[in-house]
């Protein structure tokens, strides 16, 4: 006797199909990374600034005027950040040779106090690592300056998305008004992602500003640049702040020695701990609704697909996928697996 479900695929076969589809989707996304990255950054920039349009409209400002004011604010912020960061990067690149020679002199002064074997010298290894990090910092920063075309595309795309932000939301609501459940799911998806992006941005602003202030008080070179780096890398869970600490730690080491650098690193870490473990949870309420292991694995996956940009966008992208999976009866169980474990 044949089962009434004999026409459907078994669970292992379905999982195999899902796995194959995921592989092809990953390869396709990676091949289209140069196109998708500006679009994704534009979408998330729109999520950050679009709520301002609604706030202005609620205060009686005409929609066209409110959109124009928000776009102007966005352009001013991007222009200001661009001028400050690019000028600092160019100055830093010019000072790299001086930093390298200074680092060599400092490590050479410590070498006599470090035990070394016949074929291995810890002092030379430390010096080589430091020089490599300085050279890598210069290469990365100059690559950021050369990415002007991509940044310009992000700015233009975001501006157009902000112009159409109100119209899109109204059209979506009109299209799904006859499907109440679908409308609720779309609204829930949008609100959760917007909440995360906005709150994460606010938390990163506090962390970046605190880092810059500490470095300015300490007199560390390019404090504003390192503060902006802490703000940007704050979007990368777990390892972002560790990466952001490396450049100012090296500069502080050159200026004030090991003890001074250690004190500055500890203060920056305290700011990060307070921002991530006190400020962010208090603003986010229930949190990400993603398990820590999923957050870490998503960081590795999106970093593989989109590179550093994917690492920055990994959490919101995973949130979108989880909400989409959880909204369907067939894939609801996958969404639950990605979710945070509920405490009893």
C-alpha atoms as a PDB file:
ATOM      1  CA  UNK A   1       0.000   0.000   0.000  1.00  0.00           C
ATOM      2  CA  UNK A   2       1.444   3.328  -1.050  1.00  0.00           C
ATOM      3  CA  UNK A   3       1.617   6.141   1.463  1.00  0.00           C
ATOM      4  CA  UNK A   4      -0.312   9.290   0.753  1.00  0.00           C
ATOM      5  CA  UNK A   5       3.003  11.107   1.047  1.00  0.00           C
ATOM      6  CA  UNK A   6       4.823   8.904  -1.467  1.00  0.00           C
ATOM      7  CA  UNK A   7       4.692  11.680  -4.043  1.00  0.00           C
ATOM      8  CA  UNK A   8       6.801  13.950  -1.861  1.00  0.00           C
ATOM      9  CA  UNK A   9      10.556  13.826  -1.365  1.00  0.00           C
ATOM     10  CA  UNK A  10      12.010  12.308   1.776  1.00  0.00           C
ATOM     11  CA  UNK A  11      13.725  14.556   4.301  1.00  0.00           C
ATOM     12  CA  UNK A  12      17.307  13.529   3.318  1.00  0.00           C
ATOM     13  CA  UNK A  13      16.580  14.214  -0.356  1.00  0.00           C
ATOM     14  CA  UNK A  14      15.067  17.599   0.463  1.00  0.00           C
ATOM     15  CA  UNK A  15      18.092  18.473   2.579  1.00  0.00           C
ATOM     16  CA  UNK A  16      20.361  17.435  -0.293  1.00  0.00           C
ATOM     17  CA  UNK A  17      18.463  19.724  -2.688  1.00  0.00           C
ATOM     18  CA  UNK A  18      18.637  22.580  -0.169  1.00  0.00           C
ATOM     19  CA  UNK A  19      22.389  22.050   0.231  1.00  0.00           C
ATOM     20  CA  UNK A  20      23.031  22.015  -3.519  1.00  0.00           C
ATOM     21  CA  UNK A  21      20.876  25.117  -3.988  1.00  0.00           C
ATOM     22  CA  UNK A  22      22.770  26.855  -1.172  1.00  0.00           C
ATOM     23  CA  UNK A  23      26.118  26.078  -2.829  1.00  0.00           C
ATOM     24  CA  UNK A  24      24.994  27.450  -6.202  1.00  0.00           C
ATOM     25  CA  UNK A  25      23.459  30.503  -4.512  1.00  0.00           C
ATOM     26  CA  UNK A  26      26.709  31.144  -2.634  1.00  0.00           C
ATOM     27  CA  UNK A  27      28.780  30.918  -5.811  1.00  0.00           C
ATOM     28  CA  UNK A  28      26.344  33.212  -7.624  1.00  0.00           C
ATOM     29  CA  UNK A  29      26.393  35.801  -4.848  1.00  0.00           C
ATOM     30  CA  UNK A  30      30.187  35.726  -4.762  1.00  0.00           C
ATOM     31  CA  UNK A  31      30.370  36.223  -8.539  1.00  0.00           C
ATOM     32  CA  UNK A  32      28.024  39.222  -8.291  1.00  0.00           C
ATOM     33  CA  UNK A  33      29.696  40.690  -5.187  1.00  0.00           C
ATOM     34  CA  UNK A  34      30.967  43.818  -6.964  1.00  0.00           C
ATOM     35  CA  UNK A  35      27.388  44.659  -7.965  1.00  0.00           C
ATOM     36  CA  UNK A  36      25.593  43.564  -4.806  1.00  0.00           C
ATOM     37  CA  UNK A  37      27.874  45.213  -2.220  1.00  0.00           C
ATOM     38  CA  UNK A  38      27.020  48.842  -3.171  1.00  0.00           C
ATOM     39  CA  UNK A  39      23.320  47.917  -3.319  1.00  0.00           C
ATOM     40  CA  UNK A  40      23.385  46.282   0.117  1.00  0.00           C
ATOM     41  CA  UNK A  41      25.240  49.188   1.726  1.00  0.00           C
ATOM     42  CA  UNK A  42      22.759  51.579   0.104  1.00  0.00           C
ATOM     43  CA  UNK A  43      19.814  49.592   1.458  1.00  0.00           C
ATOM     44  CA  UNK A  44      21.156  49.616   4.999  1.00  0.00           C
ATOM     45  CA  UNK A  45      22.068  53.314   4.786  1.00  0.00           C
ATOM     46  CA  UNK A  46      18.470  53.913   3.712  1.00  0.00           C
ATOM     47  CA  UNK A  47      17.234  51.948   6.740  1.00  0.00           C
ATOM     48  CA  UNK A  48      19.262  54.256   8.983  1.00  0.00           C
ATOM     49  CA  UNK A  49      18.104  57.554   7.452  1.00  0.00           C
ATOM     50  CA  UNK A  50      14.559  56.712   6.296  1.00  0.00           C
ATOM     51  CA  UNK A  51      13.049  56.953   9.822  1.00  0.00           C
ATOM     52  CA  UNK A  52      14.119  60.617   9.888  1.00  0.00           C
ATOM     53  CA  UNK A  53      11.812  61.271   6.929  1.00  0.00           C
ATOM     54  CA  UNK A  54       8.833  59.909   8.837  1.00  0.00           C
ATOM     55  CA  UNK A  55       9.780  61.925  11.939  1.00  0.00           C
ATOM     56  CA  UNK A  56       9.887  65.153   9.910  1.00  0.00           C
ATOM     57  CA  UNK A  57       6.580  64.338   8.244  1.00  0.00           C
ATOM     58  CA  UNK A  58       4.912  63.736  11.604  1.00  0.00           C
ATOM     59  CA  UNK A  59       5.986  67.254  12.571  1.00  0.00           C
ATOM     60  CA  UNK A  60       4.068  68.673   9.630  1.00  0.00           C
ATOM     61  CA  UNK A  61       6.931  69.123   7.148  1.00  0.00           C
ATOM     62  CA  UNK A  62       5.980  68.509   3.509  1.00  0.00           C
ATOM     63  CA  UNK A  63       7.130  65.060   2.240  1.00  0.00           C
ATOM     64  CA  UNK A  64       9.271  66.551  -0.539  1.00  0.00           C
ATOM     65  CA  UNK A  65      10.950  68.943   1.897  1.00  0.00           C
ATOM     66  CA  UNK A  66      11.536  66.218   4.503  1.00  0.00           C
ATOM     67  CA  UNK A  67      13.112  63.905   1.910  1.00  0.00           C
ATOM     68  CA  UNK A  68      15.318  66.740   0.632  1.00  0.00           C
ATOM     69  CA  UNK A  69      16.476  67.622   4.161  1.00  0.00           C
ATOM     70  CA  UNK A  70      17.364  64.006   4.980  1.00  0.00           C
ATOM     71  CA  UNK A  71      19.246  63.569   1.700  1.00  0.00           C
ATOM     72  CA  UNK A  72      21.123  66.822   2.370  1.00  0.00           C
ATOM     73  CA  UNK A  73      21.985  65.600   5.873  1.00  0.00           C
ATOM     74  CA  UNK A  74      23.190  62.274   4.452  1.00  0.00           C
ATOM     75  CA  UNK A  75      25.363  64.014   1.838  1.00  0.00           C
ATOM     76  CA  UNK A  76      26.847  66.396   4.431  1.00  0.00           C
ATOM     77  CA  UNK A  77      27.691  63.525   6.777  1.00  0.00           C
ATOM     78  CA  UNK A  78      29.277  61.483   3.991  1.00  0.00           C
ATOM     79  CA  UNK A  79      31.222  64.493   2.698  1.00  0.00           C
ATOM     80  CA  UNK A  80      32.459  65.384   6.186  1.00  0.00           C
ATOM     81  CA  UNK A  81      33.513  61.823   6.975  1.00  0.00           C
ATOM     82  CA  UNK A  82      35.133  61.513   3.561  1.00  0.00           C
ATOM     83  CA  UNK A  83      37.217  64.661   3.932  1.00  0.00           C
ATOM     84  CA  UNK A  84      38.371  63.811   7.457  1.00  0.00           C
ATOM     85  CA  UNK A  85      39.128  60.156   6.795  1.00  0.00           C
ATOM     86  CA  UNK A  86      40.779  60.576   3.379  1.00  0.00           C
ATOM     87  CA  UNK A  87      43.029  63.423   4.586  1.00  0.00           C
ATOM     88  CA  UNK A  88      44.016  61.406   7.670  1.00  0.00           C
ATOM     89  CA  UNK A  89      44.725  58.305   5.560  1.00  0.00           C
ATOM     90  CA  UNK A  90      46.926  60.251   3.159  1.00  0.00           C
ATOM     91  CA  UNK A  91      48.872  61.808   6.048  1.00  0.00           C
ATOM     92  CA  UNK A  92      49.200  58.420   7.722  1.00  0.00           C
ATOM     93  CA  UNK A  93      50.523  56.888   4.507  1.00  0.00           C
ATOM     94  CA  UNK A  94      53.205  59.597   4.317  1.00  0.00           C
ATOM     95  CA  UNK A  95      54.281  58.891   7.897  1.00  0.00           C
ATOM     96  CA  UNK A  96      54.516  55.111   7.483  1.00  0.00           C
ATOM     97  CA  UNK A  97      58.283  55.119   6.711  1.00  0.00           C
ATOM     98  CA  UNK A  98      58.937  57.152   9.868  1.00  0.00           C
ATOM     99  CA  UNK A  99      56.801  54.822  11.947  1.00  0.00           C
ATOM    100  CA  UNK A 100      58.627  51.813  10.506  1.00  0.00           C
ATOM    101  CA  UNK A 101      62.075  53.157  11.358  1.00  0.00           C
ATOM    102  CA  UNK A 102      60.832  54.177  14.807  1.00  0.00           C
ATOM    103  CA  UNK A 103      59.420  50.698  15.356  1.00  0.00           C
ATOM    104  CA  UNK A 104      62.727  49.097  14.305  1.00  0.00           C
ATOM    105  CA  UNK A 105      64.686  51.283  16.740  1.00  0.00           C
ATOM    106  CA  UNK A 106      62.292  50.499  19.591  1.00  0.00           C
ATOM    107  CA  UNK A 107      62.291  46.736  19.027  1.00  0.00           C
ATOM    108  CA  UNK A 108      66.078  46.741  18.692  1.00  0.00           C
ATOM    109  CA  UNK A 109      66.306  48.379  22.106  1.00  0.00           C
ATOM    110  CA  UNK A 110      64.286  45.517  23.614  1.00  0.00           C
ATOM    111  CA  UNK A 111      66.141  42.747  21.769  1.00  0.00           C
ATOM    112  CA  UNK A 112      69.039  42.396  24.288  1.00  0.00           C
ATOM    113  CA  UNK A 113      66.501  41.644  27.039  1.00  0.00           C
ATOM    114  CA  UNK A 114      64.741  38.899  25.066  1.00  0.00           C
ATOM    115  CA  UNK A 115      66.278  35.436  25.117  1.00  0.00           C
ATOM    116  CA  UNK A 116      67.023  34.053  21.679  1.00  0.00           C
ATOM    117  CA  UNK A 117      68.175  30.738  20.302  1.00  0.00           C
ATOM    118  CA  UNK A 118      70.817  30.156  17.677  1.00  0.00           C
ATOM    119  CA  UNK A 119      68.410  30.006  14.741  1.00  0.00           C
ATOM    120  CA  UNK A 120      65.452  31.874  16.247  1.00  0.00           C
ATOM    121  CA  UNK A 121      65.235  35.423  17.560  1.00  0.00           C
ATOM    122  CA  UNK A 122      61.931  36.505  19.173  1.00  0.00           C
ATOM    123  CA  UNK A 123      62.978  40.128  18.826  1.00  0.00           C
ATOM    124  CA  UNK A 124      63.336  39.885  15.046  1.00  0.00           C
ATOM    125  CA  UNK A 125      59.992  38.068  14.801  1.00  0.00           C
ATOM    126  CA  UNK A 126      58.249  40.835  16.761  1.00  0.00           C
ATOM    127  CA  UNK A 127      59.887  43.447  14.557  1.00  0.00           C
ATOM    128  CA  UNK A 128      58.848  41.663  11.353  1.00  0.00           C
ATOM    129  CA  UNK A 129      55.260  41.321  12.602  1.00  0.00           C
ATOM    130  CA  UNK A 130      55.082  44.998  13.503  1.00  0.00           C
ATOM    131  CA  UNK A 131      56.482  46.094  10.149  1.00  0.00           C
ATOM    132  CA  UNK A 132      54.032  43.795   8.368  1.00  0.00           C
ATOM    133  CA  UNK A 133      51.102  45.282  10.287  1.00  0.00           C
ATOM    134  CA  UNK A 134      52.191  48.838   9.484  1.00  0.00           C
ATOM    135  CA  UNK A 135      52.589  48.020   5.799  1.00  0.00           C
ATOM    136  CA  UNK A 136      49.221  46.224   5.768  1.00  0.00           C
ATOM    137  CA  UNK A 137      47.515  49.202   7.385  1.00  0.00           C
ATOM    138  CA  UNK A 138      48.894  51.493   4.702  1.00  0.00           C
ATOM    139  CA  UNK A 139      47.818  49.158   1.900  1.00  0.00           C
ATOM    140  CA  UNK A 140      44.296  48.767   3.321  1.00  0.00           C
ATOM    141  CA  UNK A 141      43.825  52.491   3.830  1.00  0.00           C
ATOM    142  CA  UNK A 142      45.053  53.347   0.359  1.00  0.00           C
ATOM    143  CA  UNK A 143      42.676  50.727  -1.024  1.00  0.00           C
ATOM    144  CA  UNK A 144      39.858  52.530   0.789  1.00  0.00           C
ATOM    145  CA  UNK A 145      40.871  55.812  -0.854  1.00  0.00           C
ATOM    146  CA  UNK A 146      40.916  54.119  -4.262  1.00  0.00           C
ATOM    147  CA  UNK A 147      37.353  52.809  -3.709  1.00  0.00           C
ATOM    148  CA  UNK A 148      35.935  56.259  -4.467  1.00  0.00           C
ATOM    149  CA  UNK A 149      33.839  54.941  -7.374  1.00  0.00           C
ATOM    150  CA  UNK A 150      32.090  52.359  -5.197  1.00  0.00           C
ATOM    151  CA  UNK A 151      31.488  54.886  -2.423  1.00  0.00           C
ATOM    152  CA  UNK A 152      30.087  57.362  -4.955  1.00  0.00           C
ATOM    153  CA  UNK A 153      27.728  54.682  -6.281  1.00  0.00           C
ATOM    154  CA  UNK A 154      26.550  53.944  -2.732  1.00  0.00           C
ATOM    155  CA  UNK A 155      25.847  57.628  -2.114  1.00  0.00           C
ATOM    156  CA  UNK A 156      23.893  58.060  -5.368  1.00  0.00           C
ATOM    157  CA  UNK A 157      21.895  54.839  -4.858  1.00  0.00           C
ATOM    158  CA  UNK A 158      21.066  55.758  -1.258  1.00  0.00           C
ATOM    159  CA  UNK A 159      19.883  59.201  -2.334  1.00  0.00           C
ATOM    160  CA  UNK A 160      17.489  57.707  -4.888  1.00  0.00           C
ATOM    161  CA  UNK A 161      16.259  55.104  -2.377  1.00  0.00           C
ATOM    162  CA  UNK A 162      15.536  57.869   0.133  1.00  0.00           C
ATOM    163  CA  UNK A 163      13.618  59.796  -2.521  1.00  0.00           C
ATOM    164  CA  UNK A 164      11.407  56.769  -3.118  1.00  0.00           C
ATOM    165  CA  UNK A 165      11.330  55.530   0.500  1.00  0.00           C
ATOM    166  CA  UNK A 166       7.867  56.815   1.319  1.00  0.00           C
ATOM    167  CA  UNK A 167       6.367  55.786  -2.013  1.00  0.00           C
ATOM    168  CA  UNK A 168       7.762  52.253  -1.769  1.00  0.00           C
ATOM    169  CA  UNK A 169       6.306  51.668   1.681  1.00  0.00           C
ATOM    170  CA  UNK A 170       2.886  52.895   0.551  1.00  0.00           C
ATOM    171  CA  UNK A 171       2.941  50.717  -2.570  1.00  0.00           C
ATOM    172  CA  UNK A 172       3.963  47.638  -0.563  1.00  0.00           C
ATOM    173  CA  UNK A 173       1.156  48.224   1.917  1.00  0.00           C
ATOM    174  CA  UNK A 174      -1.350  48.668  -0.920  1.00  0.00           C
ATOM    175  CA  UNK A 175      -0.230  45.462  -2.664  1.00  0.00           C
ATOM    176  CA  UNK A 176      -0.466  43.310   0.451  1.00  0.00           C
ATOM    177  CA  UNK A 177      -3.495  44.887   2.131  1.00  0.00           C
ATOM    178  CA  UNK A 178      -5.645  41.962   0.976  1.00  0.00           C
ATOM    179  CA  UNK A 179      -3.173  39.467   2.486  1.00  0.00           C
ATOM    180  CA  UNK A 180      -3.084  40.477   6.128  1.00  0.00           C
ATOM    181  CA  UNK A 181      -0.686  37.749   7.293  1.00  0.00           C
ATOM    182  CA  UNK A 182       1.828  38.608   4.568  1.00  0.00           C
ATOM    183  CA  UNK A 183       1.572  42.293   5.438  1.00  0.00           C
ATOM    184  CA  UNK A 184       2.250  41.563   9.109  1.00  0.00           C
ATOM    185  CA  UNK A 185       5.305  39.445   8.226  1.00  0.00           C
ATOM    186  CA  UNK A 186       6.749  42.098   5.903  1.00  0.00           C
ATOM    187  CA  UNK A 187       6.206  44.792   8.506  1.00  0.00           C
ATOM    188  CA  UNK A 188       7.770  42.622  11.212  1.00  0.00           C
ATOM    189  CA  UNK A 189      10.801  41.913   9.015  1.00  0.00           C
ATOM    190  CA  UNK A 190      11.282  45.590   8.222  1.00  0.00           C
ATOM    191  CA  UNK A 191      10.891  46.760  11.826  1.00  0.00           C
ATOM    192  CA  UNK A 192      13.302  44.183  13.255  1.00  0.00           C
ATOM    193  CA  UNK A 193      16.018  44.902  10.712  1.00  0.00           C
ATOM    194  CA  UNK A 194      15.546  48.675  10.996  1.00  0.00           C
ATOM    195  CA  UNK A 195      15.681  48.456  14.800  1.00  0.00           C
ATOM    196  CA  UNK A 196      18.894  46.458  14.698  1.00  0.00           C
ATOM    197  CA  UNK A 197      20.626  48.686  12.128  1.00  0.00           C
ATOM    198  CA  UNK A 198      19.626  51.915  13.891  1.00  0.00           C
ATOM    199  CA  UNK A 199      20.485  50.690  17.400  1.00  0.00           C
ATOM    200  CA  UNK A 200      23.753  49.132  16.237  1.00  0.00           C
ATOM    201  CA  UNK A 201      24.657  52.438  14.572  1.00  0.00           C
ATOM    202  CA  UNK A 202      23.857  54.404  17.734  1.00  0.00           C
ATOM    203  CA  UNK A 203      25.948  52.020  19.826  1.00  0.00           C
ATOM    204  CA  UNK A 204      28.840  52.200  17.376  1.00  0.00           C
ATOM    205  CA  UNK A 205      28.668  56.002  17.439  1.00  0.00           C
ATOM    206  CA  UNK A 206      29.111  55.938  21.213  1.00  0.00           C
ATOM    207  CA  UNK A 207      31.954  53.424  20.903  1.00  0.00           C
ATOM    208  CA  UNK A 208      33.678  55.319  18.078  1.00  0.00           C
ATOM    209  CA  UNK A 209      33.287  58.712  19.759  1.00  0.00           C
ATOM    210  CA  UNK A 210      34.533  57.308  23.074  1.00  0.00           C
ATOM    211  CA  UNK A 211      37.551  55.753  21.374  1.00  0.00           C
ATOM    212  CA  UNK A 212      38.381  58.989  19.549  1.00  0.00           C
ATOM    213  CA  UNK A 213      38.044  61.060  22.747  1.00  0.00           C
ATOM    214  CA  UNK A 214      40.313  58.718  24.715  1.00  0.00           C
ATOM    215  CA  UNK A 215      42.942  58.798  21.955  1.00  0.00           C
ATOM    216  CA  UNK A 216      42.684  62.591  21.637  1.00  0.00           C
ATOM    217  CA  UNK A 217      43.198  63.007  25.382  1.00  0.00           C
ATOM    218  CA  UNK A 218      46.159  60.622  25.219  1.00  0.00           C
ATOM    219  CA  UNK A 219      47.592  62.527  22.257  1.00  0.00           C
ATOM    220  CA  UNK A 220      47.705  59.480  19.956  1.00  0.00           C
ATOM    221  CA  UNK A 221      48.203  60.399  16.304  1.00  0.00           C
ATOM    222  CA  UNK A 222      45.150  60.222  13.990  1.00  0.00           C
ATOM    223  CA  UNK A 223      42.703  59.747  16.872  1.00  0.00           C
ATOM    224  CA  UNK A 224      39.684  60.688  14.707  1.00  0.00           C
ATOM    225  CA  UNK A 225      40.649  58.093  12.107  1.00  0.00           C
ATOM    226  CA  UNK A 226      40.925  55.342  14.732  1.00  0.00           C
ATOM    227  CA  UNK A 227      37.598  56.414  16.234  1.00  0.00           C
ATOM    228  CA  UNK A 228      35.934  56.125  12.831  1.00  0.00           C
ATOM    229  CA  UNK A 229      37.565  52.721  12.357  1.00  0.00           C
ATOM    230  CA  UNK A 230      36.124  51.575  15.709  1.00  0.00           C
ATOM    231  CA  UNK A 231      32.691  52.836  14.630  1.00  0.00           C
ATOM    232  CA  UNK A 232      32.842  51.025  11.276  1.00  0.00           C
ATOM    233  CA  UNK A 233      34.289  47.747  12.544  1.00  0.00           C
ATOM    234  CA  UNK A 234      31.796  47.734  15.408  1.00  0.00           C
ATOM    235  CA  UNK A 235      29.346  46.233  12.915  1.00  0.00           C
ATOM    236  CA  UNK A 236      31.529  43.105  12.792  1.00  0.00           C
ATOM    237  CA  UNK A 237      30.539  40.947  15.783  1.00  0.00           C
ATOM    238  CA  UNK A 238      33.155  39.715  18.237  1.00  0.00           C
ATOM    239  CA  UNK A 239      36.330  40.401  16.240  1.00  0.00           C
ATOM    240  CA  UNK A 240      35.613  43.878  14.861  1.00  0.00           C
ATOM    241  CA  UNK A 241      36.789  45.814  17.901  1.00  0.00           C
ATOM    242  CA  UNK A 242      39.895  43.621  18.175  1.00  0.00           C
ATOM    243  CA  UNK A 243      40.873  44.586  14.639  1.00  0.00           C
ATOM    244  CA  UNK A 244      40.071  48.246  15.318  1.00  0.00           C
ATOM    245  CA  UNK A 245      42.361  48.304  18.353  1.00  0.00           C
ATOM    246  CA  UNK A 246      45.471  47.154  16.479  1.00  0.00           C
ATOM    247  CA  UNK A 247      46.353  50.407  14.627  1.00  0.00           C
ATOM    248  CA  UNK A 248      46.032  52.806  17.601  1.00  0.00           C
ATOM    249  CA  UNK A 249      47.795  50.239  19.810  1.00  0.00           C
ATOM    250  CA  UNK A 250      50.802  50.213  17.462  1.00  0.00           C
ATOM    251  CA  UNK A 251      50.894  54.020  17.277  1.00  0.00           C
ATOM    252  CA  UNK A 252      50.534  54.293  21.072  1.00  0.00           C
ATOM    253  CA  UNK A 253      53.364  51.761  21.457  1.00  0.00           C
ATOM    254  CA  UNK A 254      55.611  53.941  19.296  1.00  0.00           C
ATOM    255  CA  UNK A 255      54.661  57.113  21.179  1.00  0.00           C
ATOM    256  CA  UNK A 256      54.471  55.900  24.792  1.00  0.00           C
ATOM    257  CA  UNK A 257      55.995  52.437  24.919  1.00  0.00           C
ATOM    258  CA  UNK A 258      54.417  49.119  26.015  1.00  0.00           C
ATOM    259  CA  UNK A 259      52.860  50.373  29.269  1.00  0.00           C
ATOM    260  CA  UNK A 260      51.224  53.406  27.652  1.00  0.00           C
ATOM    261  CA  UNK A 261      49.867  51.278  24.805  1.00  0.00           C
ATOM    262  CA  UNK A 262      48.507  48.703  27.261  1.00  0.00           C
ATOM    263  CA  UNK A 263      46.659  51.359  29.273  1.00  0.00           C
ATOM    264  CA  UNK A 264      45.082  52.838  26.132  1.00  0.00           C
ATOM    265  CA  UNK A 265      44.028  49.389  24.871  1.00  0.00           C
ATOM    266  CA  UNK A 266      42.436  48.532  28.230  1.00  0.00           C
ATOM    267  CA  UNK A 267      40.454  51.807  28.278  1.00  0.00           C
ATOM    268  CA  UNK A 268      39.208  51.225  24.710  1.00  0.00           C
ATOM    269  CA  UNK A 269      38.190  47.669  25.614  1.00  0.00           C
ATOM    270  CA  UNK A 270      36.271  48.974  28.635  1.00  0.00           C
ATOM    271  CA  UNK A 271      34.403  51.406  26.371  1.00  0.00           C
ATOM    272  CA  UNK A 272      33.592  48.539  24.003  1.00  0.00           C
ATOM    273  CA  UNK A 273      32.388  46.262  26.823  1.00  0.00           C
ATOM    274  CA  UNK A 274      30.129  48.984  28.222  1.00  0.00           C
ATOM    275  CA  UNK A 275      28.760  49.787  24.749  1.00  0.00           C
ATOM    276  CA  UNK A 276      28.153  46.189  23.671  1.00  0.00           C
ATOM    277  CA  UNK A 277      27.056  44.645  26.966  1.00  0.00           C
ATOM    278  CA  UNK A 278      25.237  47.531  28.656  1.00  0.00           C
ATOM    279  CA  UNK A 279      24.141  50.144  26.117  1.00  0.00           C
ATOM    280  CA  UNK A 280      23.255  47.877  23.182  1.00  0.00           C
ATOM    281  CA  UNK A 281      21.122  45.365  25.173  1.00  0.00           C
ATOM    282  CA  UNK A 282      19.283  48.197  26.932  1.00  0.00           C
ATOM    283  CA  UNK A 283      18.367  49.729  23.558  1.00  0.00           C
ATOM    284  CA  UNK A 284      17.753  46.496  21.677  1.00  0.00           C
ATOM    285  CA  UNK A 285      15.472  44.935  24.300  1.00  0.00           C
ATOM    286  CA  UNK A 286      15.123  41.292  23.291  1.00  0.00           C
ATOM    287  CA  UNK A 287      18.399  41.415  21.379  1.00  0.00           C
ATOM    288  CA  UNK A 288      19.241  39.934  18.000  1.00  0.00           C
ATOM    289  CA  UNK A 289      17.227  36.730  18.432  1.00  0.00           C
ATOM    290  CA  UNK A 290      20.245  34.983  16.887  1.00  0.00           C
ATOM    291  CA  UNK A 291      22.369  32.450  18.722  1.00  0.00           C
ATOM    292  CA  UNK A 292      26.049  33.400  19.228  1.00  0.00           C
ATOM    293  CA  UNK A 293      27.195  30.407  17.163  1.00  0.00           C
ATOM    294  CA  UNK A 294      24.962  31.500  14.261  1.00  0.00           C
ATOM    295  CA  UNK A 295      26.326  35.053  14.485  1.00  0.00           C
ATOM    296  CA  UNK A 296      29.896  33.739  14.321  1.00  0.00           C
ATOM    297  CA  UNK A 297      29.179  31.303  11.465  1.00  0.00           C
ATOM    298  CA  UNK A 298      27.333  34.018   9.531  1.00  0.00           C
ATOM    299  CA  UNK A 299      30.389  36.233   9.943  1.00  0.00           C
ATOM    300  CA  UNK A 300      32.542  33.542   8.329  1.00  0.00           C
ATOM    301  CA  UNK A 301      30.003  32.827   5.568  1.00  0.00           C
ATOM    302  CA  UNK A 302      29.269  36.412   4.509  1.00  0.00           C
ATOM    303  CA  UNK A 303      32.954  37.262   4.818  1.00  0.00           C
ATOM    304  CA  UNK A 304      33.675  34.456   2.350  1.00  0.00           C
ATOM    305  CA  UNK A 305      30.937  35.643  -0.033  1.00  0.00           C
ATOM    306  CA  UNK A 306      31.446  39.418   0.047  1.00  0.00           C
ATOM    307  CA  UNK A 307      34.832  39.885   1.743  1.00  0.00           C
ATOM    308  CA  UNK A 308      35.237  42.601   4.420  1.00  0.00           C
ATOM    309  CA  UNK A 309      31.942  44.202   3.341  1.00  0.00           C
ATOM    310  CA  UNK A 310      30.185  40.904   4.054  1.00  0.00           C
ATOM    311  CA  UNK A 311      31.678  40.789   7.543  1.00  0.00           C
ATOM    312  CA  UNK A 312      30.230  44.240   8.273  1.00  0.00           C
ATOM    313  CA  UNK A 313      26.793  43.291   6.921  1.00  0.00           C
ATOM    314  CA  UNK A 314      26.769  39.710   8.228  1.00  0.00           C
ATOM    315  CA  UNK A 315      24.403  40.150  11.173  1.00  0.00           C
ATOM    316  CA  UNK A 316      21.629  42.156   9.450  1.00  0.00           C
ATOM    317  CA  UNK A 317      21.789  39.864   6.403  1.00  0.00           C
ATOM    318  CA  UNK A 318      21.419  36.816   8.637  1.00  0.00           C
ATOM    319  CA  UNK A 319      18.529  38.466  10.476  1.00  0.00           C
ATOM    320  CA  UNK A 320      16.732  39.002   7.157  1.00  0.00           C
ATOM    321  CA  UNK A 321      17.263  35.358   6.153  1.00  0.00           C
ATOM    322  CA  UNK A 322      16.116  34.080   9.548  1.00  0.00           C
ATOM    323  CA  UNK A 323      12.911  36.146   9.479  1.00  0.00           C
ATOM    324  CA  UNK A 324      12.154  35.023   5.917  1.00  0.00           C
ATOM    325  CA  UNK A 325      12.715  31.354   6.821  1.00  0.00           C
ATOM    326  CA  UNK A 326      10.666  31.630  10.012  1.00  0.00           C
ATOM    327  CA  UNK A 327       7.738  33.198   8.133  1.00  0.00           C
ATOM    328  CA  UNK A 328       7.182  30.085   5.989  1.00  0.00           C
ATOM    329  CA  UNK A 329       5.627  26.886   7.330  1.00  0.00           C
ATOM    330  CA  UNK A 330       8.027  24.679   5.342  1.00  0.00           C
ATOM    331  CA  UNK A 331      11.195  26.453   6.514  1.00  0.00           C
ATOM    332  CA  UNK A 332      10.011  27.612   9.932  1.00  0.00           C
ATOM    333  CA  UNK A 333      12.116  24.959  11.658  1.00  0.00           C
ATOM    334  CA  UNK A 334      15.297  26.316  10.029  1.00  0.00           C
ATOM    335  CA  UNK A 335      14.466  29.804  11.269  1.00  0.00           C
ATOM    336  CA  UNK A 336      13.967  28.416  14.775  1.00  0.00           C
ATOM    337  CA  UNK A 337      17.359  26.686  14.634  1.00  0.00           C
ATOM    338  CA  UNK A 338      18.999  29.998  13.770  1.00  0.00           C
ATOM    339  CA  UNK A 339      17.243  31.714  16.659  1.00  0.00           C
ATOM    340  CA  UNK A 340      18.511  32.398  20.138  1.00  0.00           C
ATOM    341  CA  UNK A 341      17.954  29.619  22.649  1.00  0.00           C
ATOM    342  CA  UNK A 342      15.131  30.540  24.997  1.00  0.00           C
ATOM    343  CA  UNK A 343      15.922  30.394  28.691  1.00  0.00           C
ATOM    344  CA  UNK A 344      13.423  28.524  30.816  1.00  0.00           C
END
